[in-house]
Amino acid sequence: MRVRYAGWQHGLVTDPDPALVPELLVTDVDASIAFWSGLCGFTVAYARPEERFAYLTLGSAHVMLEQTGVGRNWLTGPLDRPLGRGINLQIGVPDADVVAASLRAGGVELFMPAETRWYRVGDEEAGVRQFLVTDPDGYLLRFQSSTGRRPVAP
């Protein structure tokens, strides 16, 4: 099941020079592209197959995937699985439940099932529908969609 959002221009690099784009080292770029693109709704904006590299987008979310052992891998230490320990990447989508359903239909187990949470932001609370999943290399991804804002309860 491929995630699709009406009206979203994913696949187009909407900001050709975003301020922050994570580059994830992966063990199999084809498996990673199948996960990120096939199940999570990202589109390959461009790729360099000879370097085992792909640049993916979903709306204004950008991520680079690069296979280990090919090209220049900038490593500060050994890569131990799961990769990316200590961080989670938050990805805003129009409907987190649609992405979660796509992943489940693809046989992927969620790290944390979908929930609705409210987070304090100044004198308001921001509501999100969110879930967590790990990609094929163990990177922790938090897909979330906004449910609105409300005043902080007294």
C-alpha atoms as a PDB file:
ATOM      1  CA  MET A   1       0.000   0.000   0.000  1.00  0.00           C
ATOM      2  CA  ARG A   2       1.497   3.324  -1.057  1.00  0.00           C
ATOM      3  CA  VAL A   3       0.623   6.358   1.048  1.00  0.00           C
ATOM      4  CA  ARG A   4      -0.833   9.207  -1.004  1.00  0.00           C
ATOM      5  CA  TYR A   5      -2.014  12.613   0.122  1.00  0.00           C
ATOM      6  CA  ALA A   6      -4.262  14.725  -2.083  1.00  0.00           C
ATOM      7  CA  GLY A   7      -2.833  18.171  -2.633  1.00  0.00           C
ATOM      8  CA  TRP A   8       0.647  17.394  -1.313  1.00  0.00           C
ATOM      9  CA  GLN A   9       3.518  18.026  -3.675  1.00  0.00           C
ATOM     10  CA  HIS A  10       5.761  15.364  -2.212  1.00  0.00           C
ATOM     11  CA  GLY A  11       8.555  14.250  -4.458  1.00  0.00           C
ATOM     12  CA  LEU A  12       9.304  17.811  -5.431  1.00  0.00           C
ATOM     13  CA  VAL A  13      12.154  19.420  -3.568  1.00  0.00           C
ATOM     14  CA  THR A  14      10.048  22.318  -2.282  1.00  0.00           C
ATOM     15  CA  ASP A  15      13.008  24.025  -0.601  1.00  0.00           C
ATOM     16  CA  PRO A  16      16.128  23.285  -2.639  1.00  0.00           C
ATOM     17  CA  ASP A  17      18.392  24.317   0.234  1.00  0.00           C
ATOM     18  CA  PRO A  18      16.745  23.386   3.567  1.00  0.00           C
ATOM     19  CA  ALA A  19      18.627  24.292   6.728  1.00  0.00           C
ATOM     20  CA  LEU A  20      18.781  20.709   8.043  1.00  0.00           C
ATOM     21  CA  VAL A  21      18.655  17.428   6.124  1.00  0.00           C
ATOM     22  CA  PRO A  22      19.676  14.251   7.967  1.00  0.00           C
ATOM     23  CA  GLU A  23      21.830  11.815   6.017  1.00  0.00           C
ATOM     24  CA  LEU A  24      21.319   8.282   7.298  1.00  0.00           C
ATOM     25  CA  LEU A  25      23.854   5.546   6.698  1.00  0.00           C
ATOM     26  CA  VAL A  26      21.970   2.365   5.839  1.00  0.00           C
ATOM     27  CA  THR A  27      23.002  -1.233   5.233  1.00  0.00           C
ATOM     28  CA  ASP A  28      20.848  -1.719   2.094  1.00  0.00           C
ATOM     29  CA  VAL A  29      19.715   1.402   0.256  1.00  0.00           C
ATOM     30  CA  ASP A  30      17.176  -0.553  -1.834  1.00  0.00           C
ATOM     31  CA  ALA A  31      15.468  -1.958   1.277  1.00  0.00           C
ATOM     32  CA  SER A  32      15.497   1.511   2.844  1.00  0.00           C
ATOM     33  CA  ILE A  33      13.970   3.129  -0.253  1.00  0.00           C
ATOM     34  CA  ALA A  34      11.265   0.430  -0.309  1.00  0.00           C
ATOM     35  CA  PHE A  35      10.423   1.223   3.331  1.00  0.00           C
ATOM     36  CA  TRP A  36      10.627   5.032   3.188  1.00  0.00           C
ATOM     37  CA  SER A  37       9.003   5.380  -0.241  1.00  0.00           C
ATOM     38  CA  GLY A  38       6.829   2.294  -0.569  1.00  0.00           C
ATOM     39  CA  LEU A  39       5.332   2.304   2.941  1.00  0.00           C
ATOM     40  CA  CYS A  40       5.880   5.771   4.433  1.00  0.00           C
ATOM     41  CA  GLY A  41       4.949   7.925   1.429  1.00  0.00           C
ATOM     42  CA  PHE A  42       8.286   9.557   0.614  1.00  0.00           C
ATOM     43  CA  THR A  43       9.327  10.076  -3.011  1.00  0.00           C
ATOM     44  CA  VAL A  44      12.835   9.742  -4.397  1.00  0.00           C
ATOM     45  CA  ALA A  45      13.654  13.284  -5.532  1.00  0.00           C
ATOM     46  CA  TYR A  46      16.925  12.071  -7.044  1.00  0.00           C
ATOM     47  CA  ALA A  47      19.376   9.212  -6.677  1.00  0.00           C
ATOM     48  CA  ARG A  48      22.948   8.315  -7.495  1.00  0.00           C
ATOM     49  CA  PRO A  49      22.728   4.522  -7.919  1.00  0.00           C
ATOM     50  CA  GLU A  50      26.474   4.174  -8.509  1.00  0.00           C
ATOM     51  CA  GLU A  51      27.029   5.695  -5.047  1.00  0.00           C
ATOM     52  CA  ARG A  52      24.075   3.828  -3.471  1.00  0.00           C
ATOM     53  CA  PHE A  53      22.590   7.202  -2.476  1.00  0.00           C
ATOM     54  CA  ALA A  54      19.035   8.597  -2.576  1.00  0.00           C
ATOM     55  CA  TYR A  55      17.475  11.941  -1.602  1.00  0.00           C
ATOM     56  CA  LEU A  56      13.860  11.546  -0.469  1.00  0.00           C
ATOM     57  CA  THR A  57      11.125  14.074   0.264  1.00  0.00           C
ATOM     58  CA  LEU A  58       7.637  14.113   1.717  1.00  0.00           C
ATOM     59  CA  GLY A  59       6.166  17.598   1.733  1.00  0.00           C
ATOM     60  CA  SER A  60       8.833  19.719   3.409  1.00  0.00           C
ATOM     61  CA  ALA A  61      10.514  16.712   5.091  1.00  0.00           C
ATOM     62  CA  HIS A  62      13.819  15.747   3.479  1.00  0.00           C
ATOM     63  CA  VAL A  63      16.164  12.830   4.211  1.00  0.00           C
ATOM     64  CA  MET A  64      19.236  11.406   2.500  1.00  0.00           C
ATOM     65  CA  LEU A  65      20.020   7.684   2.498  1.00  0.00           C
ATOM     66  CA  GLU A  66      23.539   6.416   1.833  1.00  0.00           C
ATOM     67  CA  GLN A  67      24.645   2.786   1.890  1.00  0.00           C
ATOM     68  CA  THR A  68      27.604   1.952   4.109  1.00  0.00           C
ATOM     69  CA  GLY A  69      30.772   0.728   2.442  1.00  0.00           C
ATOM     70  CA  VAL A  70      30.154   2.679  -0.772  1.00  0.00           C
ATOM     71  CA  GLY A  71      31.536   6.153  -1.434  1.00  0.00           C
ATOM     72  CA  ARG A  72      32.536   8.440   1.402  1.00  0.00           C
ATOM     73  CA  ASN A  73      30.945   7.441   4.691  1.00  0.00           C
ATOM     74  CA  TRP A  74      31.712   9.928   7.449  1.00  0.00           C
ATOM     75  CA  LEU A  75      31.949   7.830  10.586  1.00  0.00           C
ATOM     76  CA  THR A  76      33.000   8.980  14.042  1.00  0.00           C
ATOM     77  CA  GLY A  77      32.885   5.455  15.481  1.00  0.00           C
ATOM     78  CA  PRO A  78      31.685   1.923  14.783  1.00  0.00           C
ATOM     79  CA  LEU A  79      28.162   1.441  13.444  1.00  0.00           C
ATOM     80  CA  ASP A  80      26.285  -0.805  15.852  1.00  0.00           C
ATOM     81  CA  ARG A  81      22.663  -1.812  15.382  1.00  0.00           C
ATOM     82  CA  PRO A  82      20.201  -0.364  15.890  1.00  0.00           C
ATOM     83  CA  LEU A  83      21.548   2.644  14.044  1.00  0.00           C
ATOM     84  CA  GLY A  84      20.658   6.149  15.196  1.00  0.00           C
ATOM     85  CA  ARG A  85      20.366   5.343  18.884  1.00  0.00           C
ATOM     86  CA  GLY A  86      19.478   8.314  21.028  1.00  0.00           C
ATOM     87  CA  ILE A  87      17.440  10.261  18.482  1.00  0.00           C
ATOM     88  CA  ASN A  88      14.054  10.071  16.842  1.00  0.00           C
ATOM     89  CA  LEU A  89      13.190  11.889  13.654  1.00  0.00           C
ATOM     90  CA  GLN A  90       9.824  13.676  13.771  1.00  0.00           C
ATOM     91  CA  ILE A  91       8.069  13.740  10.412  1.00  0.00           C
ATOM     92  CA  GLY A  92       4.922  15.818   9.982  1.00  0.00           C
ATOM     93  CA  VAL A  93       2.263  14.291   7.728  1.00  0.00           C
ATOM     94  CA  PRO A  94      -1.366  15.204   7.002  1.00  0.00           C
ATOM     95  CA  ASP A  95      -2.688  12.005   8.640  1.00  0.00           C
ATOM     96  CA  ALA A  96      -0.454   9.841  10.843  1.00  0.00           C
ATOM     97  CA  ASP A  97      -3.082   7.084  10.958  1.00  0.00           C
ATOM     98  CA  VAL A  98      -2.847   6.644   7.169  1.00  0.00           C
ATOM     99  CA  VAL A  99       0.917   6.080   7.397  1.00  0.00           C
ATOM    100  CA  ALA A 100       0.498   3.702  10.353  1.00  0.00           C
ATOM    101  CA  ALA A 101      -2.076   1.679   8.397  1.00  0.00           C
ATOM    102  CA  SER A 102       0.267   1.485   5.392  1.00  0.00           C
ATOM    103  CA  LEU A 103       3.085   0.201   7.586  1.00  0.00           C
ATOM    104  CA  ARG A 104       0.874  -2.392   9.285  1.00  0.00           C
ATOM    105  CA  ALA A 105      -0.429  -3.537   5.878  1.00  0.00           C
ATOM    106  CA  GLY A 106       3.212  -3.969   4.839  1.00  0.00           C
ATOM    107  CA  GLY A 107       3.841  -6.219   7.839  1.00  0.00           C
ATOM    108  CA  VAL A 108       5.819  -3.636   9.823  1.00  0.00           C
ATOM    109  CA  GLU A 109       5.369  -3.653  13.601  1.00  0.00           C
ATOM    110  CA  LEU A 110       5.052  -0.224  15.200  1.00  0.00           C
ATOM    111  CA  PHE A 111       7.485   0.639  17.998  1.00  0.00           C
ATOM    112  CA  MET A 112       4.701   2.641  19.688  1.00  0.00           C
ATOM    113  CA  PRO A 113       1.071   2.511  18.533  1.00  0.00           C
ATOM    114  CA  ALA A 114      -0.752   5.655  17.480  1.00  0.00           C
ATOM    115  CA  GLU A 115      -1.785   7.972  20.290  1.00  0.00           C
ATOM    116  CA  THR A 116      -3.113  11.498  20.700  1.00  0.00           C
ATOM    117  CA  ARG A 117      -0.964  13.722  22.940  1.00  0.00           C
ATOM    118  CA  TRP A 118      -1.031  17.349  24.008  1.00  0.00           C
ATOM    119  CA  TYR A 119       2.247  19.210  24.547  1.00  0.00           C
ATOM    120  CA  ARG A 120       2.590  22.557  26.306  1.00  0.00           C
ATOM    121  CA  VAL A 121       3.820  25.340  24.001  1.00  0.00           C
ATOM    122  CA  GLY A 122       3.935  28.592  25.963  1.00  0.00           C
ATOM    123  CA  ASP A 123       0.387  29.392  27.108  1.00  0.00           C
ATOM    124  CA  GLU A 124      -1.187  26.841  24.744  1.00  0.00           C
ATOM    125  CA  GLU A 125      -1.143  23.118  24.175  1.00  0.00           C
ATOM    126  CA  ALA A 126      -0.441  21.647  20.743  1.00  0.00           C
ATOM    127  CA  GLY A 127      -2.220  18.402  19.983  1.00  0.00           C
ATOM    128  CA  VAL A 128      -0.704  15.693  17.820  1.00  0.00           C
ATOM    129  CA  ARG A 129      -1.652  12.250  16.609  1.00  0.00           C
ATOM    130  CA  GLN A 130       1.610  10.300  16.564  1.00  0.00           C
ATOM    131  CA  PHE A 131       3.245   6.885  16.450  1.00  0.00           C
ATOM    132  CA  LEU A 132       6.790   5.545  16.346  1.00  0.00           C
ATOM    133  CA  VAL A 133       8.323   2.970  14.026  1.00  0.00           C
ATOM    134  CA  THR A 134      11.854   1.812  13.272  1.00  0.00           C
ATOM    135  CA  ASP A 135      13.176   1.691   9.720  1.00  0.00           C
ATOM    136  CA  PRO A 136      15.055  -1.404   8.448  1.00  0.00           C
ATOM    137  CA  ASP A 137      18.280  -0.259  10.178  1.00  0.00           C
ATOM    138  CA  GLY A 138      16.662   0.720  13.464  1.00  0.00           C
ATOM    139  CA  TYR A 139      16.368   4.494  13.014  1.00  0.00           C
ATOM    140  CA  LEU A 140      13.432   5.630  15.163  1.00  0.00           C
ATOM    141  CA  LEU A 141      10.832   7.655  13.241  1.00  0.00           C
ATOM    142  CA  ARG A 142       7.978   9.578  14.839  1.00  0.00           C
ATOM    143  CA  PHE A 143       5.217  10.365  12.355  1.00  0.00           C
ATOM    144  CA  GLN A 144       2.811  13.009  13.629  1.00  0.00           C
ATOM    145  CA  SER A 145      -0.113  15.091  12.443  1.00  0.00           C
ATOM    146  CA  SER A 146      -1.566  18.132  14.162  1.00  0.00           C
ATOM    147  CA  THR A 147      -4.887  17.894  15.963  1.00  0.00           C
ATOM    148  CA  GLY A 148      -4.974  21.612  16.774  1.00  0.00           C
ATOM    149  CA  ARG A 149      -4.222  23.906  19.694  1.00  0.00           C
ATOM    150  CA  ARG A 150      -6.019  24.728  22.905  1.00  0.00           C
ATOM    151  CA  PRO A 151      -5.448  26.915  25.967  1.00  0.00           C
ATOM    152  CA  VAL A 152      -3.493  25.369  28.816  1.00  0.00           C
ATOM    153  CA  ALA A 153      -5.880  24.012  31.429  1.00  0.00           C
ATOM    154  CA  PRO A 154      -5.751  25.975  34.715  1.00  0.00           C
END
